[in-house]
Protein backbone atom coordinates (compact mmCIF):
# COMPACT_ATOMS: atom_id res chain seq x y z
CA MET A 1 -30.81 -2.29 -13.58
CA PRO A 2 -31.91 -5.95 -13.08
CA ASP A 3 -33.31 -7.05 -9.91
CA LYS A 4 -30.17 -9.02 -8.97
CA ARG A 5 -27.67 -6.69 -8.33
CA PRO A 6 -24.09 -7.47 -9.39
CA LYS A 7 -21.75 -8.73 -6.92
CA VAL A 8 -18.95 -6.21 -6.88
CA ILE A 9 -15.30 -6.65 -4.82
CA VAL A 10 -12.91 -3.59 -4.55
CA THR A 11 -9.41 -4.53 -3.81
CA ARG A 12 -8.58 -0.91 -2.28
CA ARG A 13 -10.08 1.80 -0.27
CA LEU A 14 -11.95 4.44 -2.75
CA PRO A 15 -12.81 8.14 -1.88
CA GLU A 16 -15.60 7.76 0.75
CA VAL A 17 -17.92 9.42 -1.22
CA VAL A 18 -17.29 6.79 -4.15
CA GLU A 19 -17.67 3.72 -1.60
CA THR A 20 -20.65 4.75 -0.57
CA ARG A 21 -22.40 5.18 -3.88
CA MET A 22 -21.14 1.52 -4.35
CA ARG A 23 -22.86 0.48 -1.55
CA GLU A 24 -26.32 2.18 -2.81
CA LEU A 25 -26.08 0.81 -6.25
CA PHE A 26 -24.24 -3.00 -5.90
CA ASP A 27 -23.75 -5.76 -3.54
CA VAL A 28 -20.32 -4.92 -2.72
CA ARG A 29 -17.46 -5.88 -0.90
CA LEU A 30 -14.88 -3.50 0.20
CA ASN A 31 -11.34 -3.65 1.34
CA GLU A 32 -11.72 -1.92 4.77
CA THR A 33 -7.87 -2.62 5.71
CA ASP A 34 -6.60 -1.34 2.26
CA GLU A 35 -4.06 -3.71 2.37
CA ILE A 36 -2.41 -4.89 -1.12
CA LEU A 37 -4.22 -8.58 -1.86
CA SER A 38 -1.91 -11.66 -2.51
CA ARG A 39 -2.31 -13.25 -5.69
CA GLU A 40 -4.38 -16.11 -3.91
CA ALA A 41 -6.58 -13.29 -2.27
CA LEU A 42 -7.33 -11.87 -5.81
CA ILE A 43 -8.05 -15.21 -7.54
CA GLU A 44 -10.62 -16.00 -4.58
CA ALA A 45 -12.03 -12.64 -5.13
CA MET A 46 -12.65 -13.17 -8.96
CA ARG A 47 -14.47 -16.74 -7.38
CA ASP A 48 -16.91 -14.76 -5.52
CA ALA A 49 -17.45 -11.45 -7.67
CA ASP A 50 -19.59 -10.87 -10.99
CA VAL A 51 -16.96 -7.50 -11.12
CA ILE A 52 -13.80 -7.09 -9.69
CA VAL A 53 -12.41 -3.23 -9.30
CA PRO A 54 -8.65 -3.61 -8.93
CA CYS A 55 -6.12 -0.71 -9.73
CA VAL A 56 -2.45 -0.47 -10.39
CA THR A 57 -1.06 -2.42 -7.36
CA ASP A 58 -3.11 -5.27 -8.63
CA ARG A 59 -1.47 -7.64 -11.51
CA ILE A 60 -4.21 -10.11 -13.37
CA ASP A 61 -3.21 -12.49 -15.66
CA ALA A 62 -4.58 -15.25 -17.69
CA GLN A 63 -3.57 -17.79 -15.35
CA MET A 64 -5.54 -16.23 -12.54
CA LEU A 65 -8.71 -15.64 -14.73
CA ASP A 66 -8.38 -19.71 -15.28
CA ALA A 67 -7.79 -20.27 -11.65
CA ALA A 68 -10.86 -18.28 -10.92
CA GLY A 69 -13.32 -20.32 -12.56
CA GLY A 70 -15.30 -18.12 -15.17
CA ARG A 71 -17.51 -16.24 -12.70
CA VAL A 72 -16.09 -12.74 -12.92
CA LYS A 73 -17.44 -10.85 -16.10
CA LEU A 74 -15.84 -7.27 -15.79
CA ILE A 75 -12.75 -6.04 -14.54
CA ALA A 76 -13.59 -2.31 -13.92
CA ASN A 77 -10.22 -1.02 -13.55
CA TYR A 78 -9.82 2.07 -11.29
CA GLY A 79 -7.24 3.91 -13.12
CA ALA A 80 -6.46 4.59 -16.97
CA GLY A 81 -3.74 2.21 -17.29
CA VAL A 82 -4.16 -1.48 -17.82
CA ASP A 83 -0.85 -2.75 -18.03
CA HIS A 84 -0.87 -4.39 -15.31
CA ILE A 85 -3.84 -6.48 -16.24
CA ASP A 86 -3.86 -9.21 -19.39
CA VAL A 87 -6.31 -7.33 -21.15
CA VAL A 88 -5.58 -10.42 -24.27
CA GLY A 89 -6.36 -13.19 -21.85
CA ALA A 90 -9.24 -11.73 -20.39
CA HIS A 91 -10.96 -10.89 -24.10
CA ALA A 92 -10.16 -14.27 -24.92
CA ARG A 93 -12.29 -15.70 -21.81
CA GLY A 94 -15.19 -13.53 -22.43
CA VAL A 95 -14.07 -11.35 -19.66
CA LEU A 96 -14.55 -7.46 -20.25
CA VAL A 97 -12.25 -4.94 -19.14
CA SER A 98 -12.65 -0.83 -18.43
CA ASN A 99 -10.72 1.81 -17.30
CA THR A 100 -10.81 5.42 -16.20
CA PRO A 101 -9.15 7.53 -19.20
CA GLY A 102 -9.12 11.23 -19.17
CA VAL A 103 -10.06 12.19 -15.70
CA MET A 104 -6.53 12.78 -14.63
CA THR A 105 -4.87 14.49 -17.43
CA GLU A 106 -4.75 18.04 -15.93
CA ASP A 107 -3.79 16.65 -12.37
CA THR A 108 -0.72 14.47 -13.89
CA ALA A 109 0.25 17.65 -16.07
CA ASP A 110 0.50 19.58 -13.29
CA MET A 111 2.79 16.90 -11.39
CA ALA A 112 5.03 17.00 -14.52
CA LEU A 113 5.41 20.51 -14.40
CA GLY A 114 5.97 20.67 -10.71
CA LEU A 115 8.56 17.97 -11.08
CA ILE A 116 10.38 19.99 -13.45
CA LEU A 117 10.36 23.06 -11.22
CA ALA A 118 11.40 20.87 -8.30
CA VAL A 119 14.35 19.37 -10.06
CA THR A 120 15.66 22.59 -11.89
CA ARG A 121 15.35 24.94 -9.05
CA ARG A 122 16.39 22.43 -6.29
CA MET A 123 13.53 23.00 -4.12
CA PRO A 124 13.33 19.79 -2.13
CA GLU A 125 16.86 20.58 -1.35
CA GLY A 126 15.99 23.72 -0.20
CA ALA A 127 13.46 22.60 1.96
CA LYS A 128 15.28 19.77 3.33
CA PHE A 129 18.23 22.46 4.44
CA MET A 130 15.56 24.67 6.11
CA GLN A 131 14.17 21.80 8.25
CA SER A 132 17.87 20.86 9.14
CA GLU A 133 17.81 24.53 11.19
CA ASP A 134 21.27 25.23 9.65
CA TRP A 135 20.22 28.03 7.57
CA ARG A 136 22.06 31.27 8.49
CA GLY A 137 20.64 33.91 5.82
CA TRP A 138 20.52 34.25 2.20
CA ALA A 139 24.16 33.43 0.11
CA PRO A 140 24.74 34.52 -3.29
CA THR A 141 25.46 31.24 -4.42
CA ALA A 142 23.61 28.86 -2.78
CA PHE A 143 21.13 26.25 -3.84
CA MET A 144 21.47 27.71 -7.67
CA GLY A 145 19.44 25.82 -10.03
CA GLN A 146 18.20 26.23 -13.92
CA ARG A 147 15.74 28.67 -15.50
CA ILE A 148 13.27 26.74 -17.44
CA GLY A 149 12.11 29.64 -19.25
CA GLY A 150 13.97 29.65 -22.83
CA LYS A 151 14.94 25.83 -22.56
CA SER A 152 13.60 23.07 -24.87
CA LEU A 153 11.22 20.42 -23.40
CA GLY A 154 10.95 17.04 -25.13
CA ILE A 155 7.53 15.22 -24.40
CA LEU A 156 7.91 11.25 -25.24
CA GLY A 157 4.32 10.48 -25.91
CA MET A 158 1.97 13.42 -26.88
CA GLY A 159 -1.25 12.11 -25.69
CA ARG A 160 -3.81 13.86 -23.61
CA ILE A 161 -1.30 14.11 -20.59
CA GLY A 162 1.67 15.32 -23.38
CA ARG A 163 -0.44 17.69 -24.79
CA ALA A 164 -1.59 19.18 -21.53
CA LEU A 165 1.82 19.58 -20.38
CA ALA A 166 3.07 21.13 -23.59
CA ARG A 167 0.47 24.05 -22.76
CA ARG A 168 1.68 24.53 -19.62
CA ALA A 169 5.59 24.43 -20.86
CA THR A 170 5.17 27.22 -23.28
CA ALA A 171 3.36 29.45 -20.65
CA PHE A 172 6.58 29.45 -18.83
CA GLY A 173 8.57 30.12 -22.22
CA MET A 174 9.68 26.82 -22.83
CA SER A 175 10.05 25.61 -26.37
CA VAL A 176 8.47 21.83 -26.94
CA HIS A 177 9.52 18.87 -29.11
CA TYR A 178 8.06 15.78 -29.08
CA HIS A 179 8.51 12.04 -30.14
CA ASN A 180 5.45 9.65 -30.99
CA ARG A 181 4.33 6.88 -33.04
CA THR A 182 2.80 8.85 -35.39
CA ARG A 183 3.18 12.60 -35.94
CA LEU A 184 0.14 14.96 -34.92
CA HIS A 185 -1.64 16.79 -37.64
CA PRO A 186 0.06 19.90 -38.53
CA THR A 187 -2.77 21.94 -37.12
CA ILE A 188 -2.46 20.45 -33.67
CA GLU A 189 1.36 21.01 -33.68
CA ALA A 190 0.65 24.26 -34.72
CA ASP A 191 -1.74 24.72 -31.43
CA TYR A 192 1.04 23.95 -28.90
CA LYS A 193 4.20 25.00 -30.81
CA ALA A 194 5.23 21.68 -30.82
CA GLN A 195 8.30 20.20 -33.16
CA TRP A 196 7.87 16.33 -34.31
CA TRP A 197 10.98 14.16 -33.93
CA ASP A 198 10.91 11.07 -36.02
CA SER A 199 14.17 10.18 -34.19
CA LEU A 200 13.90 9.61 -30.55
CA ASP A 201 17.56 9.92 -30.16
CA GLN A 202 18.29 13.03 -31.97
CA MET A 203 15.35 14.77 -29.75
CA LEU A 204 16.97 13.56 -26.78
CA ALA A 205 20.33 15.22 -27.88
CA ARG A 206 18.70 18.58 -28.02
CA VAL A 207 16.29 18.98 -25.44
CA ASP A 208 16.94 20.60 -21.71
CA VAL A 209 14.00 18.67 -20.07
CA LEU A 210 12.59 15.17 -20.98
CA SER A 211 9.18 14.34 -19.87
CA ILE A 212 7.90 10.69 -20.40
CA ASN A 213 4.27 10.35 -20.95
CA CYS A 214 3.95 7.20 -22.60
CA PRO A 215 2.39 3.83 -21.67
CA HIS A 216 4.39 1.11 -20.68
CA THR A 217 4.13 -1.40 -23.53
CA PRO A 218 6.81 -4.06 -24.83
CA ALA A 219 8.11 -1.65 -27.55
CA THR A 220 8.24 0.88 -24.60
CA PHE A 221 10.07 -1.03 -22.02
CA HIS A 222 13.51 0.25 -20.99
CA LEU A 223 13.03 2.75 -24.08
CA ILE A 224 15.27 5.36 -21.79
CA ASN A 225 18.41 3.16 -21.63
CA GLU A 226 22.03 3.74 -20.78
CA ARG A 227 22.73 4.33 -24.31
CA ARG A 228 20.19 6.75 -24.66
CA LEU A 229 21.04 8.34 -21.36
CA LYS A 230 24.31 9.16 -22.39
CA LEU A 231 22.71 11.16 -25.53
CA MET A 232 21.54 13.79 -23.13
CA LYS A 233 23.17 16.75 -22.20
CA PRO A 234 25.22 16.89 -18.86
CA SER A 235 22.72 19.94 -17.59
CA ALA A 236 19.36 18.01 -19.00
CA VAL A 237 17.05 16.54 -16.73
CA ILE A 238 14.30 13.84 -16.97
CA VAL A 239 10.94 13.53 -15.02
CA ASN A 240 8.24 10.75 -15.43
CA THR A 241 4.88 10.71 -14.24
CA SER A 242 3.88 7.85 -16.78
CA ARG A 243 5.04 4.19 -16.32
CA GLY A 244 8.33 3.46 -14.29
CA GLU A 245 9.42 0.87 -16.80
CA VAL A 246 9.88 2.85 -19.40
CA ILE A 247 13.36 3.90 -17.54
CA ASP A 248 15.98 1.51 -16.80
CA GLU A 249 16.08 2.38 -13.23
CA ASN A 250 19.63 1.44 -12.47
CA ALA A 251 21.40 2.96 -15.82
CA LEU A 252 19.42 6.23 -14.26
CA THR A 253 20.82 6.11 -11.48
CA ARG A 254 24.37 5.24 -12.57
CA ALA A 255 23.98 8.62 -15.04
CA LEU A 256 22.86 10.66 -12.00
CA ARG A 257 25.84 9.37 -9.79
CA ARG A 258 28.20 10.12 -12.40
CA GLY A 259 26.96 13.57 -13.40
CA GLU A 260 26.09 12.45 -16.63
CA ILE A 261 22.67 14.28 -16.63
CA ALA A 262 21.79 16.94 -13.69
CA GLY A 263 18.54 15.42 -12.31
CA ALA A 264 15.51 13.43 -12.73
CA GLY A 265 12.32 13.87 -11.06
CA LEU A 266 10.00 10.29 -10.89
CA ASP A 267 6.67 9.71 -9.69
CA VAL A 268 6.74 5.81 -11.15
CA PHE A 269 9.42 3.23 -10.84
CA GLU A 270 10.26 0.40 -12.27
CA HIS A 271 9.52 -2.06 -9.87
CA GLY A 272 6.59 -0.41 -7.99
CA HIS A 273 7.15 0.91 -4.52
CA LYS A 274 10.59 -0.94 -4.31
CA VAL A 275 13.03 1.62 -5.42
CA ASN A 276 16.85 1.38 -5.86
CA PRO A 277 18.43 2.82 -2.60
CA ARG A 278 21.14 4.21 -4.40
CA LEU A 279 18.47 6.46 -6.16
CA ARG A 280 16.86 7.06 -2.88
CA ALA A 281 19.95 8.39 -1.83
CA LEU A 282 20.94 10.76 -4.49
CA PRO A 283 20.14 14.88 -3.84
CA ASN A 284 19.58 15.25 -7.54
CA ALA A 285 16.54 12.91 -7.59
CA VAL A 286 13.07 13.93 -6.74
CA LEU A 287 11.32 11.05 -5.68
CA LEU A 288 7.49 11.11 -5.30
CA PRO A 289 4.85 8.03 -4.22
CA HIS A 290 2.56 7.79 -7.33
CA MET A 291 0.89 11.39 -6.53
CA GLY A 292 0.12 12.05 -10.08
CA SER A 293 -3.61 11.79 -10.00
CA ALA A 294 -4.37 12.42 -6.37
CA THR A 295 -6.22 15.01 -6.25
CA VAL A 296 -9.78 14.91 -4.66
CA GLU A 297 -11.44 15.92 -7.60
CA GLY A 298 -9.58 13.13 -9.71
CA ARG A 299 -9.93 10.35 -7.67
CA VAL A 300 -13.65 10.91 -7.39
CA GLU A 301 -14.38 11.58 -11.08
CA MET A 302 -12.07 8.16 -11.30
CA GLY A 303 -14.62 6.49 -9.07
CA GLU A 304 -17.42 7.74 -11.01
CA LYS A 305 -16.18 6.34 -14.26
CA VAL A 306 -15.96 2.88 -12.49
CA LEU A 307 -19.31 3.22 -11.11
CA LEU A 308 -20.65 4.22 -14.67
CA ASN A 309 -18.89 1.07 -16.32
CA ILE A 310 -20.06 -1.10 -13.88
CA TYR A 311 -23.92 0.07 -13.95
CA THR A 312 -23.73 0.24 -17.69
CA PHE A 313 -22.22 -3.30 -17.79
CA ALA A 314 -25.24 -4.81 -14.97
CA ASP A 315 -27.83 -3.16 -17.23
CA GLY A 316 -26.66 -5.23 -20.37
CA HIS A 317 -24.87 -2.81 -22.37
CA ARG A 318 -21.21 -2.38 -23.42
CA PRO A 319 -19.00 -0.19 -20.58
CA PRO A 320 -18.59 3.26 -22.02
CA ASP A 321 -14.71 3.08 -21.27
CA MET A 322 -14.28 -0.74 -22.40
CA VAL A 323 -10.64 -1.56 -23.33
CA VAL A 324 -10.26 -3.99 -26.25
CA PRO A 325 -7.04 -5.51 -27.62
CA ASP A 326 -6.61 -3.40 -30.40
CA MET A 327 -6.48 -0.45 -27.92
CA ILE A 328 -3.03 -1.18 -26.42
């Protein structure tokens, strides 16, 4: 590490152990209030920093990098997804981008399976009913849901998280189907007992549960739209722990209201925290506040990756988790 420590600005509060280590290693400025920085505040931060540590709530585009004046040389993202950062624009301006891949795989897969169970077994409805103090005891026809054993799971995006979910689903007796840009090697398919579908439309018509596990790119924006929702069984459910923009949220809301699909479990939303109020009101929609990676272990491990990326960069080397345009 050079004698002159890099100036690092962190845009949100991180786990205390991560912030403490940041103070030890770098000349760091933390966001003590945890308020989301405005566009202007982000530009000012980049003018004053060698390294900025943003997260998914921070949008950084090429115009902001130009306005920042060229001091910032590393965007060390706290998170695996980088669709909120103009990686191509950063690369063209000599700004490196790093992320934190891999550490949230198991946690997010747990959350996806949890949403599948919550929606199919109507758990939030039951919990809300119990909190109302109206329960008068067990009834043969109350809160009947669907068994997931024997059902078919369609995974849209069979990467790390998709495969981790497939492992869990097979343990629950589900059959696994998947749609990917490229087919997995036959030995990997055999490991997960997974059937590949070249046609997303054909897979959607076949499965009982659809899990969204692909990134948000121009090619995946509104991949699940009104037309494709109509292909699904009326008894089918959708869960999304990836990126909200993959689903046309208004079309999904209409389909749920009309009973064209049975339910949805969403941890991410098309417009961030601005969720369609009609979607919020639906009893067959389980909505969570982006909790997929929200474990103590996962968030600390994310921070450790950020620390390593910054330390390696400051030592004059390429960050181990550097993102390049060809990767997105």
